[in-house]
């Protein structure tokens, strides 16, 4: 009996030793991260505030902007950049034609990454402001890294959030479309009801269109960077306006035979949901449309 008890005791002591070593290893990883961040801040003369609650992140307001500070109940539209703190490698930046957005009080993560300190930074910004989070690896992607963003394991993260002056998605959409029109040298009109801008090649002279019409269309859909995401140009695609994205409603201003280019704001396109991997949320759309047939 004494011999068996001694064996169990040795096993128990072994388990305690293993668990203690794991805990020490985790704590040492935290200490290593924190030491690297402190060294980086001192070496680069960066003035950043350490989380007073001791979570481990640092934050910095690089441009507070003007106006009123964000409140939890305000809407915030923003883009992000994720970089390596130590070597400056950019792992992810929001595409220029899209953005993220929600109410300030709900902004605690970027994609699938929970970000301690994000709300802290936002409360120090005004619309159009820019803030920065410095995160130890154990508060970012940890030892696993991220296949989605390309962040390697145990990486210290330099995270930038850039807020837009606009707090309504429709206003940001409209500015982006106007900038696109100016950059491309287009002459476009705006449909005030939908917010869609359109360029007319041929207004058509055939049958009139209403919301109950069945339309045969040729179309090509692109993002504002020119990437195509959908197309049908063989004269076989049929739809009615209620079945299409909301911005297509503007074609009721034309007739059979029309050829128009539609610049559709995201709020009249695929909205905050996007369309699979092809169209990200809050993305404006660029369509070439030819109305082949109208059946009323």
Protein backbone atom coordinates (compact mmCIF):
# COMPACT_ATOMS: atom_id res chain seq x y z
CA UNK A 1 0.00 0.00 0.00
CA UNK A 2 2.84 2.35 0.91
CA UNK A 3 4.57 1.60 -2.42
CA UNK A 4 1.40 2.36 -4.42
CA UNK A 5 0.87 5.60 -2.54
CA UNK A 6 4.41 6.68 -3.30
CA UNK A 7 3.89 6.04 -7.02
CA UNK A 8 0.73 8.15 -7.06
CA UNK A 9 2.55 10.89 -5.18
CA UNK A 10 5.35 10.97 -7.77
CA UNK A 11 2.79 11.17 -10.59
CA UNK A 12 0.97 14.03 -8.86
CA UNK A 13 4.20 15.91 -8.27
CA UNK A 14 5.10 15.40 -11.95
CA UNK A 15 1.78 16.88 -13.10
CA UNK A 16 2.20 19.87 -10.80
CA UNK A 17 5.69 20.45 -12.21
CA UNK A 18 4.42 20.31 -15.82
CA UNK A 19 1.55 22.69 -15.13
CA UNK A 20 3.83 25.08 -13.29
CA UNK A 21 6.30 25.11 -16.16
CA UNK A 22 3.49 25.85 -18.67
CA UNK A 23 2.32 28.75 -16.54
CA UNK A 24 5.86 30.12 -16.28
CA UNK A 25 6.30 29.79 -20.04
CA UNK A 26 3.08 31.75 -20.70
CA UNK A 27 4.01 34.42 -18.20
CA UNK A 28 7.46 34.73 -19.73
CA UNK A 29 5.88 35.20 -23.18
CA UNK A 30 3.90 38.10 -21.76
CA UNK A 31 7.01 39.56 -20.20
CA UNK A 32 8.95 39.24 -23.45
CA UNK A 33 6.20 41.02 -25.41
CA UNK A 34 5.91 43.80 -22.86
CA UNK A 35 9.67 44.32 -22.79
CA UNK A 36 9.81 44.52 -26.61
CA UNK A 37 7.02 47.11 -26.68
CA UNK A 38 8.69 49.21 -23.98
CA UNK A 39 11.98 49.06 -25.88
CA UNK A 40 10.28 50.03 -29.16
CA UNK A 41 8.53 53.02 -27.59
CA UNK A 42 11.72 54.29 -26.00
CA UNK A 43 13.90 53.71 -29.07
CA UNK A 44 11.47 55.45 -31.43
CA UNK A 45 10.46 58.19 -29.00
CA UNK A 46 6.79 57.21 -29.30
CA UNK A 47 4.44 58.81 -26.79
CA UNK A 48 1.74 56.23 -26.16
CA UNK A 49 -0.45 55.66 -23.13
CA UNK A 50 -0.43 52.32 -21.36
CA UNK A 51 -3.82 50.85 -20.51
CA UNK A 52 -4.33 51.92 -16.88
CA UNK A 53 -6.17 48.66 -16.18
CA UNK A 54 -3.00 46.72 -16.94
CA UNK A 55 -4.42 44.78 -19.90
CA UNK A 56 -1.18 45.22 -21.81
CA UNK A 57 -2.07 47.41 -24.78
CA UNK A 58 -0.89 50.95 -25.50
CA UNK A 59 -2.85 53.59 -27.38
CA UNK A 60 -2.14 56.85 -29.14
CA UNK A 61 -4.25 59.54 -30.85
CA UNK A 62 -2.39 60.56 -34.00
CA UNK A 63 -5.11 62.91 -35.27
CA UNK A 64 -8.13 63.71 -33.07
CA UNK A 65 -9.86 65.71 -35.87
CA UNK A 66 -12.41 68.43 -35.06
CA UNK A 67 -15.99 68.51 -33.88
CA UNK A 68 -17.62 66.41 -31.18
CA UNK A 69 -16.04 63.34 -29.63
CA UNK A 70 -17.62 60.01 -30.55
CA UNK A 71 -20.24 58.71 -28.14
CA UNK A 72 -21.37 55.10 -27.82
CA UNK A 73 -24.64 55.89 -29.58
CA UNK A 74 -22.92 57.49 -32.60
CA UNK A 75 -22.35 55.68 -35.88
CA UNK A 76 -18.70 55.32 -36.86
CA UNK A 77 -17.36 54.45 -40.32
CA UNK A 78 -13.71 53.45 -40.47
CA UNK A 79 -10.88 51.60 -42.17
CA UNK A 80 -8.03 49.69 -40.55
CA UNK A 81 -4.37 48.87 -41.09
CA UNK A 82 -2.58 45.97 -39.38
CA UNK A 83 1.23 46.11 -39.33
CA UNK A 84 4.12 44.49 -37.56
CA UNK A 85 5.23 46.79 -34.76
CA UNK A 86 8.90 45.86 -34.99
CA UNK A 87 9.60 45.57 -38.72
CA UNK A 88 6.75 47.63 -40.21
CA UNK A 89 5.40 44.89 -42.51
CA UNK A 90 1.81 45.68 -43.52
CA UNK A 91 -0.30 42.54 -43.20
CA UNK A 92 -3.71 44.01 -43.98
CA UNK A 93 -5.24 47.31 -44.96
CA UNK A 94 -8.89 48.00 -45.79
CA UNK A 95 -9.48 48.33 -49.55
CA UNK A 96 -9.99 51.97 -50.49
CA UNK A 97 -13.42 51.28 -51.98
CA UNK A 98 -14.94 49.77 -48.83
CA UNK A 99 -15.06 50.32 -45.07
CA UNK A 100 -16.28 48.92 -41.82
CA UNK A 101 -18.92 50.55 -39.67
CA UNK A 102 -21.26 50.18 -36.73
CA UNK A 103 -22.31 52.07 -33.61
CA UNK A 104 -19.35 53.14 -31.49
CA UNK A 105 -20.55 51.16 -28.50
CA UNK A 106 -20.48 47.95 -30.55
CA UNK A 107 -16.99 48.52 -31.94
CA UNK A 108 -14.90 46.06 -29.96
CA UNK A 109 -13.45 43.99 -32.78
CA UNK A 110 -12.00 44.18 -36.28
CA UNK A 111 -13.30 41.26 -38.29
CA UNK A 112 -12.87 38.13 -36.18
CA UNK A 113 -10.25 39.75 -33.92
CA UNK A 114 -11.42 40.99 -30.54
CA UNK A 115 -9.48 44.17 -29.87
CA UNK A 116 -9.09 45.40 -26.31
CA UNK A 117 -8.59 49.15 -26.42
CA UNK A 118 -10.49 49.85 -29.63
CA UNK A 119 -13.34 51.47 -27.75
CA UNK A 120 -10.85 53.40 -25.62
CA UNK A 121 -9.30 54.94 -28.75
CA UNK A 122 -12.63 55.73 -30.42
CA UNK A 123 -13.81 57.72 -27.40
CA UNK A 124 -10.76 59.98 -27.88
CA UNK A 125 -11.52 60.64 -31.56
CA UNK A 126 -13.89 62.81 -33.54
CA UNK A 127 -15.22 61.97 -37.02
CA UNK A 128 -12.22 61.98 -39.36
CA UNK A 129 -9.78 61.20 -36.55
CA UNK A 130 -7.03 58.58 -36.50
CA UNK A 131 -5.97 56.41 -33.58
CA UNK A 132 -3.38 53.74 -32.96
CA UNK A 133 -3.27 50.60 -30.84
CA UNK A 134 -0.08 48.76 -29.94
CA UNK A 135 -0.84 45.19 -29.00
CA UNK A 136 1.30 42.41 -27.53
CA UNK A 137 0.87 39.14 -29.37
CA UNK A 138 -1.20 37.59 -26.56
CA UNK A 139 -3.84 40.29 -27.08
CA UNK A 140 -3.70 39.97 -30.89
CA UNK A 141 -3.27 36.79 -32.94
CA UNK A 142 -1.16 34.92 -30.37
CA UNK A 143 0.95 31.90 -31.10
CA UNK A 144 -1.31 30.77 -33.97
CA UNK A 145 -1.06 33.94 -36.05
CA UNK A 146 -3.69 34.51 -38.74
CA UNK A 147 -4.02 32.83 -42.13
CA UNK A 148 -6.58 35.45 -43.18
CA UNK A 149 -4.38 38.50 -42.63
CA UNK A 150 -1.00 36.77 -42.96
CA UNK A 151 0.10 37.73 -39.46
CA UNK A 152 2.73 35.23 -38.22
CA UNK A 153 2.77 33.71 -34.76
CA UNK A 154 3.77 35.75 -31.70
CA UNK A 155 3.69 39.03 -33.66
CA UNK A 156 3.45 42.41 -31.95
CA UNK A 157 0.77 44.41 -33.74
CA UNK A 158 0.63 48.07 -34.73
CA UNK A 159 -3.08 48.67 -35.42
CA UNK A 160 -4.37 51.91 -36.95
CA UNK A 161 -8.04 52.90 -37.12
CA UNK A 162 -8.94 55.76 -39.47
CA UNK A 163 -12.44 57.13 -39.06
CA UNK A 164 -14.28 58.95 -41.84
CA UNK A 165 -15.75 62.45 -41.50
CA UNK A 166 -19.08 61.02 -42.64
CA UNK A 167 -21.14 59.16 -40.05
CA UNK A 168 -23.80 57.96 -42.52
CA UNK A 169 -22.90 55.29 -45.07
CA UNK A 170 -24.99 56.99 -47.77
CA UNK A 171 -22.94 60.20 -47.38
CA UNK A 172 -19.63 58.31 -47.62
CA UNK A 173 -20.94 56.37 -50.64
CA UNK A 174 -21.89 59.61 -52.35
CA UNK A 175 -18.48 61.20 -51.79
CA UNK A 176 -16.71 58.12 -53.11
CA UNK A 177 -18.87 58.10 -56.24
CA UNK A 178 -18.25 61.80 -56.86
CA UNK A 179 -14.51 61.28 -56.43
CA UNK A 180 -14.67 58.33 -58.85
CA UNK A 181 -16.55 60.39 -61.45
CA UNK A 182 -13.99 63.19 -61.18
CA UNK A 183 -11.03 60.80 -61.40
CA UNK A 184 -12.45 59.11 -64.51
CA UNK A 185 -13.53 62.35 -66.16
CA UNK A 186 -17.14 61.16 -66.51
CA UNK A 187 -20.23 63.27 -67.11
CA UNK A 188 -22.92 61.76 -64.90
CA UNK A 189 -26.35 62.70 -63.61
CA UNK A 190 -27.73 61.77 -60.20
CA UNK A 191 -31.07 60.18 -59.48
CA UNK A 192 -32.11 61.89 -56.25
CA UNK A 193 -34.57 59.16 -55.31
CA UNK A 194 -31.99 56.36 -55.21
CA UNK A 195 -28.68 58.23 -55.00
CA UNK A 196 -27.51 56.37 -58.12
CA UNK A 197 -25.36 58.25 -60.62
CA UNK A 198 -25.69 57.30 -64.27
CA UNK A 199 -23.96 57.93 -67.59
CA UNK A 200 -26.20 57.59 -70.65
CA UNK A 201 -24.84 56.26 -73.93
CA UNK A 202 -28.30 55.62 -75.41
CA UNK A 203 -31.56 56.49 -73.61
CA UNK A 204 -33.53 54.00 -75.72
CA UNK A 205 -36.68 54.62 -77.76
CA UNK A 206 -38.71 51.45 -77.27
CA UNK A 207 -41.17 50.30 -74.62
CA UNK A 208 -41.33 52.15 -71.30
CA UNK A 209 -40.32 50.36 -68.09
CA UNK A 210 -42.06 50.12 -64.73
CA UNK A 211 -41.58 48.04 -61.58
CA UNK A 212 -43.64 45.17 -63.01
CA UNK A 213 -41.77 44.91 -66.32
CA UNK A 214 -39.78 41.81 -67.16
CA UNK A 215 -36.43 42.93 -68.53
CA UNK A 216 -33.87 41.11 -70.66
CA UNK A 217 -30.48 42.66 -69.92
CA UNK A 218 -26.86 42.51 -70.84
CA UNK A 219 -24.77 43.72 -67.93
CA UNK A 220 -21.28 43.77 -66.44
CA UNK A 221 -20.68 44.58 -62.78
CA UNK A 222 -17.36 45.90 -61.47
CA UNK A 223 -15.86 47.25 -58.27
CA UNK A 224 -14.44 50.76 -58.36
CA UNK A 225 -10.95 49.35 -58.82
CA UNK A 226 -12.10 47.76 -62.10
CA UNK A 227 -12.38 44.18 -60.83
CA UNK A 228 -15.38 42.42 -62.40
CA UNK A 229 -17.62 40.41 -60.11
CA UNK A 230 -20.63 39.50 -62.27
CA UNK A 231 -21.57 39.54 -65.96
CA UNK A 232 -24.16 38.35 -68.45
CA UNK A 233 -23.75 39.54 -72.03
CA UNK A 234 -25.43 36.87 -74.15
CA UNK A 235 -28.94 38.39 -74.11
CA UNK A 236 -30.47 35.65 -71.93
CA UNK A 237 -30.62 37.24 -68.47
CA UNK A 238 -34.17 38.13 -67.41
CA UNK A 239 -35.27 39.93 -64.28
CA UNK A 240 -37.72 42.45 -62.89
CA UNK A 241 -36.63 45.51 -60.93
CA UNK A 242 -37.86 44.21 -57.54
CA UNK A 243 -35.61 41.15 -58.02
CA UNK A 244 -32.45 43.18 -58.75
CA UNK A 245 -30.34 45.23 -56.34
CA UNK A 246 -32.27 48.34 -55.31
CA UNK A 247 -30.11 50.71 -57.36
CA UNK A 248 -31.30 49.13 -60.61
CA UNK A 249 -34.63 50.87 -60.09
CA UNK A 250 -33.14 53.87 -61.90
CA UNK A 251 -33.46 52.07 -65.27
CA UNK A 252 -37.20 52.74 -65.19
CA UNK A 253 -36.20 56.23 -66.37
CA UNK A 254 -35.12 54.68 -69.69
CA UNK A 255 -36.62 52.56 -72.43
CA UNK A 256 -35.93 49.43 -74.40
CA UNK A 257 -32.61 49.75 -76.25
CA UNK A 258 -31.00 51.95 -73.59
CA UNK A 259 -27.31 51.64 -72.75
CA UNK A 260 -26.34 53.18 -69.41
CA UNK A 261 -23.60 53.01 -66.84
CA UNK A 262 -24.84 52.90 -63.26
CA UNK A 263 -22.71 53.95 -60.27
CA UNK A 264 -24.64 52.44 -57.39
CA UNK A 265 -24.01 53.39 -53.74
CA UNK A 266 -23.53 50.47 -51.39
CA UNK A 267 -26.74 51.29 -49.53
CA UNK A 268 -28.58 50.63 -52.82
CA UNK A 269 -26.40 47.63 -53.66
CA UNK A 270 -25.36 44.76 -51.41
CA UNK A 271 -25.22 46.93 -48.28
CA UNK A 272 -23.56 45.79 -45.07
CA UNK A 273 -23.84 42.11 -46.06
CA UNK A 274 -21.83 42.29 -49.28
CA UNK A 275 -22.08 39.47 -51.79
CA UNK A 276 -19.89 36.56 -50.80
CA UNK A 277 -16.16 37.00 -51.34
CA UNK A 278 -16.71 38.95 -54.56
CA UNK A 279 -18.22 42.11 -53.06
CA UNK A 280 -17.24 43.20 -49.58
CA UNK A 281 -19.70 45.03 -47.30
CA UNK A 282 -20.24 48.75 -47.94
CA UNK A 283 -18.93 48.60 -51.50
CA UNK A 284 -20.17 50.84 -54.31
CA UNK A 285 -20.91 49.15 -57.63
CA UNK A 286 -20.15 50.07 -61.25
CA UNK A 287 -22.52 48.50 -63.82
CA UNK A 288 -22.74 48.69 -67.60
CA UNK A 289 -26.35 47.85 -68.54
CA UNK A 290 -28.03 47.35 -71.91
CA UNK A 291 -31.82 46.86 -71.98
CA UNK A 292 -32.46 44.24 -74.67
CA UNK A 293 -36.17 43.55 -74.19
CA UNK A 294 -39.07 44.90 -72.12
CA UNK A 295 -42.24 42.88 -71.47
CA UNK A 296 -45.05 44.70 -69.63
